N, C-alpha and C. Protein backbone atom coordinates (compact mmCIF):
# COMPACT_ATOMS: atom_id res chain seq x y z
N GLN A 1 -4.64 -3.29 7.93
CA GLN A 1 -6.06 -2.59 8.12
C GLN A 1 -6.21 -1.67 7.87
N LEU A 2 -7.51 -1.57 6.96
CA LEU A 2 -7.68 -0.30 5.63
C LEU A 2 -8.88 0.07 6.42
N VAL A 3 -9.26 1.70 6.51
CA VAL A 3 -10.51 1.95 6.98
C VAL A 3 -10.96 3.20 6.82
N GLU A 4 -11.62 3.24 5.69
CA GLU A 4 -11.96 4.21 4.90
C GLU A 4 -12.95 5.32 5.34
N SER A 5 -12.87 6.65 5.11
CA SER A 5 -14.32 7.61 5.49
C SER A 5 -13.86 8.66 4.71
N GLY A 6 -14.64 9.61 4.90
CA GLY A 6 -15.12 11.03 3.79
C GLY A 6 -16.56 10.02 3.07
N GLY A 7 -17.46 9.23 3.59
CA GLY A 7 -18.19 9.43 2.45
C GLY A 7 -19.97 9.80 3.19
N GLY A 8 -20.30 9.90 2.25
CA GLY A 8 -21.59 11.35 2.21
C GLY A 8 -22.87 11.23 1.44
N LEU A 9 -24.26 12.22 1.78
CA LEU A 9 -25.04 11.74 1.03
C LEU A 9 -24.75 13.24 0.45
N VAL A 10 -24.70 13.57 -1.09
CA VAL A 10 -24.38 14.86 -2.43
C VAL A 10 -25.11 14.99 -3.22
N GLN A 11 -25.08 16.28 -3.63
CA GLN A 11 -26.41 16.19 -5.38
C GLN A 11 -25.59 16.11 -6.21
N PRO A 12 -26.20 15.79 -7.43
CA PRO A 12 -25.01 15.59 -8.67
C PRO A 12 -24.49 17.34 -9.00
N GLY A 13 -23.21 16.74 -9.16
CA GLY A 13 -22.44 17.84 -9.32
C GLY A 13 -21.25 17.64 -8.30
N ASP A 14 -21.42 17.27 -7.33
CA ASP A 14 -20.74 18.11 -6.30
C ASP A 14 -19.78 17.79 -6.03
N SER A 15 -18.22 17.64 -5.02
CA SER A 15 -17.68 16.73 -5.26
C SER A 15 -17.39 16.53 -3.82
N LEU A 16 -16.39 15.25 -3.29
CA LEU A 16 -16.45 14.25 -2.42
C LEU A 16 -14.65 13.67 -2.01
N LYS A 17 -13.87 13.83 -1.44
CA LYS A 17 -13.41 13.64 -1.22
C LYS A 17 -12.87 12.28 0.25
N LEU A 18 -12.86 11.07 -0.39
CA LEU A 18 -12.45 10.20 0.37
C LEU A 18 -10.90 9.34 0.48
N SER A 19 -11.08 9.20 1.74
CA SER A 19 -9.95 8.84 2.56
C SER A 19 -9.71 7.13 3.01
N CYS A 20 -8.63 6.88 2.70
CA CYS A 20 -8.15 5.44 3.66
C CYS A 20 -6.89 5.31 4.33
N VAL A 21 -6.88 4.80 5.76
CA VAL A 21 -5.44 5.31 6.04
C VAL A 21 -5.18 4.02 6.31
N ALA A 22 -4.13 3.02 5.72
CA ALA A 22 -3.89 1.09 6.69
C ALA A 22 -3.09 1.43 7.68
N SER A 23 -2.91 0.45 8.67
CA SER A 23 -2.57 0.27 9.41
C SER A 23 -1.80 -1.20 9.12
N GLY A 24 -0.09 -0.94 9.96
CA GLY A 24 0.51 -1.51 9.29
C GLY A 24 2.08 -1.15 8.87
N ARG A 25 2.94 -1.56 8.88
CA ARG A 25 4.70 -1.27 8.32
C ARG A 25 4.32 -1.61 6.62
N ALA A 26 4.92 -0.99 5.76
CA ALA A 26 5.86 -1.47 4.39
C ALA A 26 4.21 -1.06 3.52
N PHE A 27 4.41 0.54 3.68
CA PHE A 27 2.97 0.57 2.57
C PHE A 27 3.14 0.93 1.72
N THR A 28 4.25 0.99 1.14
CA THR A 28 4.57 1.42 -0.27
C THR A 28 5.12 -0.19 -1.02
N THR A 29 4.89 -0.89 -0.33
CA THR A 29 4.61 -2.24 -0.82
C THR A 29 4.31 -2.71 -1.52
N TYR A 30 2.68 -2.15 -1.12
CA TYR A 30 1.12 -1.83 -1.59
C TYR A 30 1.18 -1.28 -2.32
N SER A 31 0.20 -1.91 -4.06
CA SER A 31 -0.86 -0.53 -4.73
C SER A 31 -2.42 -0.78 -3.90
N MET A 32 -2.56 0.55 -3.93
CA MET A 32 -3.88 0.87 -3.35
C MET A 32 -4.90 0.74 -4.44
N GLY A 33 -5.92 0.63 -4.09
CA GLY A 33 -6.72 0.99 -4.98
C GLY A 33 -8.42 1.65 -4.05
N TRP A 34 -9.76 2.08 -5.03
CA TRP A 34 -11.03 1.79 -4.98
C TRP A 34 -11.63 0.92 -5.37
N PHE A 35 -12.50 0.55 -5.20
CA PHE A 35 -13.53 -0.60 -5.65
C PHE A 35 -14.84 0.12 -5.20
N ARG A 36 -16.22 -0.17 -5.35
CA ARG A 36 -17.76 0.21 -4.98
C ARG A 36 -18.45 -0.63 -5.80
N ARG A 37 -19.57 -0.50 -4.87
CA ARG A 37 -20.81 -1.54 -5.58
C ARG A 37 -21.82 -0.72 -5.15
N ALA A 38 -22.36 -0.96 -5.90
CA ALA A 38 -23.79 -0.06 -6.40
C ALA A 38 -24.87 -0.85 -5.97
N PRO A 39 -26.37 -0.55 -5.85
CA PRO A 39 -27.33 -1.69 -5.40
C PRO A 39 -27.25 -2.57 -6.20
N GLY A 40 -27.39 -3.52 -5.91
CA GLY A 40 -27.94 -4.79 -6.60
C GLY A 40 -26.80 -5.23 -8.06
N LYS A 41 -25.70 -4.33 -7.80
CA LYS A 41 -24.68 -4.80 -8.70
C LYS A 41 -23.24 -5.39 -8.16
N GLU A 42 -22.44 -6.08 -8.67
CA GLU A 42 -21.00 -5.92 -8.38
C GLU A 42 -20.29 -5.58 -8.26
N ARG A 43 -19.40 -5.59 -7.39
CA ARG A 43 -18.60 -4.65 -7.06
C ARG A 43 -17.67 -4.19 -8.40
N GLU A 44 -17.26 -3.47 -8.55
CA GLU A 44 -16.51 -3.07 -9.06
C GLU A 44 -15.09 -2.10 -9.62
N PHE A 45 -14.37 -2.25 -10.24
CA PHE A 45 -13.39 -0.94 -10.24
C PHE A 45 -13.07 0.15 -10.79
N VAL A 46 -12.33 1.22 -9.59
CA VAL A 46 -12.46 1.91 -9.85
C VAL A 46 -11.23 3.02 -9.97
N ALA A 47 -10.64 2.83 -9.21
CA ALA A 47 -8.73 3.41 -9.43
C ALA A 47 -7.57 2.54 -8.87
N ALA A 48 -6.73 2.70 -9.57
CA ALA A 48 -5.21 2.35 -8.29
C ALA A 48 -4.32 2.83 -8.65
N ILE A 49 -3.17 2.39 -8.12
CA ILE A 49 -2.47 3.44 -7.95
C ILE A 49 -1.42 3.09 -7.41
N GLY A 50 0.02 2.99 -7.84
CA GLY A 50 1.00 2.09 -7.60
C GLY A 50 1.82 2.85 -6.42
N TRP A 51 2.57 1.74 -5.82
CA TRP A 51 3.29 2.51 -4.59
C TRP A 51 3.91 3.77 -4.73
N ASN A 52 4.72 4.15 -5.47
CA ASN A 52 5.44 5.55 -6.31
C ASN A 52 4.21 6.14 -6.66
N SER A 53 3.09 6.10 -6.87
CA SER A 53 1.98 7.28 -7.57
C SER A 53 2.55 6.87 -8.85
N GLU A 54 3.69 6.72 -9.49
CA GLU A 54 3.76 6.89 -11.14
C GLU A 54 2.68 6.32 -11.80
N THR A 55 1.83 5.16 -11.49
CA THR A 55 1.36 4.64 -12.56
C THR A 55 -0.14 5.12 -11.53
N THR A 56 -1.13 5.10 -12.49
CA THR A 56 -2.88 5.44 -11.54
C THR A 56 -3.52 4.56 -12.95
N ARG A 57 -4.29 4.01 -12.32
CA ARG A 57 -5.66 2.97 -13.63
C ARG A 57 -7.14 4.10 -13.40
N TYR A 58 -7.86 4.26 -14.24
CA TYR A 58 -8.65 4.20 -13.52
C TYR A 58 -10.19 3.54 -14.44
N ALA A 59 -11.05 3.54 -14.24
CA ALA A 59 -12.32 2.70 -14.91
C ALA A 59 -12.78 4.18 -16.03
N ASP A 60 -13.44 3.82 -17.15
CA ASP A 60 -13.58 4.49 -18.11
C ASP A 60 -14.84 5.22 -17.54
N SER A 61 -15.70 4.82 -16.73
CA SER A 61 -16.91 5.36 -16.23
C SER A 61 -16.11 7.00 -15.39
N VAL A 62 -15.04 7.17 -14.31
CA VAL A 62 -14.55 7.76 -13.67
C VAL A 62 -13.31 8.27 -13.82
N GLU A 63 -13.25 8.18 -15.26
CA GLU A 63 -11.71 8.73 -15.51
C GLU A 63 -12.12 10.46 -15.94
N GLY A 64 -11.28 11.09 -15.55
CA GLY A 64 -11.78 13.24 -15.41
C GLY A 64 -12.22 13.48 -14.89
N ARG A 65 -12.78 12.54 -13.94
CA ARG A 65 -13.87 13.54 -13.40
C ARG A 65 -13.81 12.68 -10.96
N PHE A 66 -12.49 11.92 -11.45
CA PHE A 66 -11.84 11.44 -9.79
C PHE A 66 -10.81 10.98 -10.21
N THR A 67 -10.17 11.20 -8.73
CA THR A 67 -8.13 11.77 -9.00
C THR A 67 -8.27 10.54 -7.50
N ILE A 68 -7.05 9.73 -7.87
CA ILE A 68 -6.29 8.74 -6.91
C ILE A 68 -5.22 9.54 -6.68
N SER A 69 -4.88 9.72 -5.33
CA SER A 69 -3.23 9.99 -4.55
C SER A 69 -3.36 8.87 -3.32
N ARG A 70 -1.95 9.46 -3.07
CA ARG A 70 -1.66 8.61 -1.98
C ARG A 70 -0.65 9.67 -1.17
N ASP A 71 -0.78 9.18 0.47
CA ASP A 71 0.45 10.02 1.14
C ASP A 71 1.01 9.05 1.59
N ASN A 72 2.38 8.52 1.15
CA ASN A 72 3.27 7.54 2.08
C ASN A 72 3.54 7.17 3.07
N ALA A 73 4.13 9.23 3.88
CA ALA A 73 4.14 9.39 5.05
C ALA A 73 3.01 9.52 5.86
N LYS A 74 1.71 9.02 5.51
CA LYS A 74 0.61 9.30 5.78
C LYS A 74 -0.41 8.27 6.06
N ASN A 75 0.29 6.75 5.69
CA ASN A 75 -0.50 5.78 4.93
C ASN A 75 -1.46 5.36 4.77
N THR A 76 -1.65 6.44 3.63
CA THR A 76 -3.13 7.46 3.37
C THR A 76 -3.41 6.97 2.03
N VAL A 77 -4.86 6.80 1.35
CA VAL A 77 -5.20 6.69 0.24
C VAL A 77 -6.24 7.95 0.06
N TYR A 78 -6.03 9.07 -1.41
CA TYR A 78 -7.46 8.84 -1.35
C TYR A 78 -7.88 8.87 -2.82
N LEU A 79 -9.38 9.76 -2.62
CA LEU A 79 -10.34 9.28 -4.16
C LEU A 79 -11.07 11.02 -4.00
N GLN A 80 -10.24 11.84 -5.12
CA GLN A 80 -11.24 12.83 -4.97
C GLN A 80 -12.32 12.34 -5.83
N MET A 81 -13.57 13.19 -5.32
CA MET A 81 -14.66 12.88 -7.36
C MET A 81 -14.84 13.90 -7.61
N ASN A 82 -15.41 14.43 -8.51
CA ASN A 82 -15.66 15.39 -8.76
C ASN A 82 -16.91 15.48 -9.50
N SER A 83 -17.82 16.10 -9.75
CA SER A 83 -18.57 15.73 -10.80
C SER A 83 -20.03 14.61 -10.71
N LEU A 84 -20.24 14.30 -9.85
CA LEU A 84 -20.57 13.18 -9.16
C LEU A 84 -21.80 13.38 -9.56
N GLU A 85 -22.34 11.90 -9.96
CA GLU A 85 -23.96 11.20 -10.99
C GLU A 85 -24.05 10.97 -10.06
N PHE A 86 -25.94 10.30 -10.33
CA PHE A 86 -26.64 9.52 -9.97
C PHE A 86 -25.79 7.95 -9.89
N GLU A 87 -25.31 7.81 -11.16
CA GLU A 87 -25.02 6.75 -11.72
C GLU A 87 -23.60 5.88 -10.02
N ASP A 88 -22.82 7.22 -10.06
CA ASP A 88 -21.96 7.09 -9.26
C ASP A 88 -22.48 6.37 -7.08
N THR A 89 -23.38 6.31 -7.25
CA THR A 89 -24.05 6.12 -5.77
C THR A 89 -23.79 4.80 -5.59
N ALA A 90 -22.96 4.17 -4.25
CA ALA A 90 -21.84 2.46 -3.97
C ALA A 90 -21.70 2.67 -2.73
N VAL A 91 -21.18 1.75 -2.17
CA VAL A 91 -20.23 1.71 -1.21
C VAL A 91 -18.67 1.82 -1.81
N TYR A 92 -18.83 2.21 -1.54
CA TYR A 92 -17.24 2.56 -1.92
C TYR A 92 -15.65 1.71 -1.03
N TYR A 93 -15.00 0.39 -1.42
CA TYR A 93 -13.76 0.31 -0.94
C TYR A 93 -12.40 -0.19 -0.82
N CYS A 94 -11.70 0.59 -0.49
CA CYS A 94 -10.38 0.75 -0.02
C CYS A 94 -9.90 -0.87 -0.57
N ALA A 95 -8.73 -0.52 -1.41
CA ALA A 95 -7.85 -1.90 -1.11
C ALA A 95 -6.66 -2.31 -1.35
N ALA A 96 -5.48 -2.97 -1.21
CA ALA A 96 -4.29 -2.90 -1.08
C ALA A 96 -3.47 -4.49 -1.01
N GLY A 97 -2.95 -4.35 -2.42
CA GLY A 97 -2.54 -5.49 -3.28
C GLY A 97 -0.98 -5.44 -2.59
N TYR A 98 -0.23 -6.43 -2.24
CA TYR A 98 0.92 -6.38 -2.01
C TYR A 98 1.81 -7.01 -2.63
N PHE A 99 2.28 -6.46 -3.47
CA PHE A 99 3.33 -6.15 -4.72
C PHE A 99 2.15 -6.98 -5.93
N ILE A 100 1.15 -6.37 -5.97
CA ILE A 100 -0.14 -6.29 -7.62
C ILE A 100 0.47 -5.66 -7.52
N THR A 101 0.18 -5.24 -9.45
CA THR A 101 0.87 -3.68 -10.29
C THR A 101 -1.41 -3.88 -10.41
N THR A 102 -0.77 -2.30 -10.64
CA THR A 102 -2.45 -2.07 -10.83
C THR A 102 -2.91 -2.41 -12.17
N ALA A 103 -2.25 -3.04 -12.76
CA ALA A 103 -2.88 -3.39 -14.13
C ALA A 103 -3.92 -4.92 -13.22
N LYS A 104 -3.33 -5.45 -12.38
CA LYS A 104 -4.29 -6.77 -11.91
C LYS A 104 -5.04 -6.12 -10.90
N MET A 105 -4.84 -5.30 -10.59
CA MET A 105 -5.93 -4.46 -9.32
C MET A 105 -7.25 -4.18 -10.55
N VAL A 106 -6.79 -3.54 -11.56
CA VAL A 106 -8.08 -3.60 -12.23
C VAL A 106 -8.87 -4.55 -12.62
N ASN A 107 -8.77 -5.72 -12.40
CA ASN A 107 -9.01 -7.26 -12.74
C ASN A 107 -9.75 -7.36 -11.37
N GLY A 108 -9.33 -6.84 -10.25
CA GLY A 108 -9.89 -7.50 -8.85
C GLY A 108 -9.32 -7.62 -8.22
N ALA A 109 -8.24 -7.74 -8.61
CA ALA A 109 -6.80 -8.31 -7.22
C ALA A 109 -6.67 -7.69 -5.48
N ALA A 110 -6.72 -8.20 -4.92
CA ALA A 110 -5.97 -7.15 -4.04
C ALA A 110 -6.13 -8.44 -2.55
N ASP A 111 -5.47 -8.03 -1.48
CA ASP A 111 -5.03 -8.65 -0.81
C ASP A 111 -6.11 -8.45 0.82
N PHE A 112 -6.32 -7.48 0.83
CA PHE A 112 -6.81 -6.78 1.54
C PHE A 112 -8.17 -5.00 1.45
N TRP A 113 -9.16 -5.20 2.30
CA TRP A 113 -10.27 -4.61 2.52
C TRP A 113 -10.78 -4.15 3.04
N GLY A 114 -11.06 -2.74 2.77
CA GLY A 114 -11.89 -2.15 3.76
C GLY A 114 -13.65 -2.08 4.16
N GLN A 115 -14.42 -2.02 4.77
CA GLN A 115 -15.31 -2.27 5.47
C GLN A 115 -16.52 -1.24 4.29
N GLY A 116 -15.76 -0.13 4.23
CA GLY A 116 -16.76 -0.03 3.25
C GLY A 116 -17.50 1.42 3.74
N THR A 117 -17.24 3.03 2.68
CA THR A 117 -17.45 4.52 2.80
C THR A 117 -18.69 4.24 1.90
N GLN A 118 -20.07 4.73 2.38
CA GLN A 118 -21.21 4.77 1.74
C GLN A 118 -21.27 6.21 0.97
N VAL A 119 -21.74 6.45 -0.13
CA VAL A 119 -21.38 7.68 -0.79
C VAL A 119 -23.01 7.48 -1.76
N THR A 120 -24.01 8.36 -1.71
CA THR A 120 -24.97 9.06 -1.96
C THR A 120 -25.17 9.82 -2.89
N VAL A 121 -25.61 9.74 -4.40
CA VAL A 121 -25.66 11.14 -5.27
C VAL A 121 -27.65 11.60 -5.36
N SER A 122 -27.88 12.47 -4.92
CA SER A 122 -29.06 12.37 -4.68
C SER A 122 -29.52 13.66 -4.98
N SER A 123 -30.64 13.91 -5.49
CA SER A 123 -31.18 15.54 -5.51
C SER A 123 -32.66 15.96 -4.58
């Protein structure tokens, strides 16, 4: 089970940090990722991180603004979002892929999904 938190209403240029706690064992066997779905759009990849944090991948639209990280001792993955833009408004979903590479997560591969947390960027 994946449970996201940290969403909210912010202004353009603000920062927000999302968290996702995974229940169960063997957290380190999972690549973790963040996806989002904006109103009227398909779900899209945002960021992914390998089990040991050595590999990270980002969508072009968030590269340089967002940072994904994980704390395996806490079974938690984070998404630090800086310089938020109106276009970042979406429901953000945490995902876990059992022995799935981050490269495959870029294409949407995942085994488990969270319920989502709303991020709204508005002035």
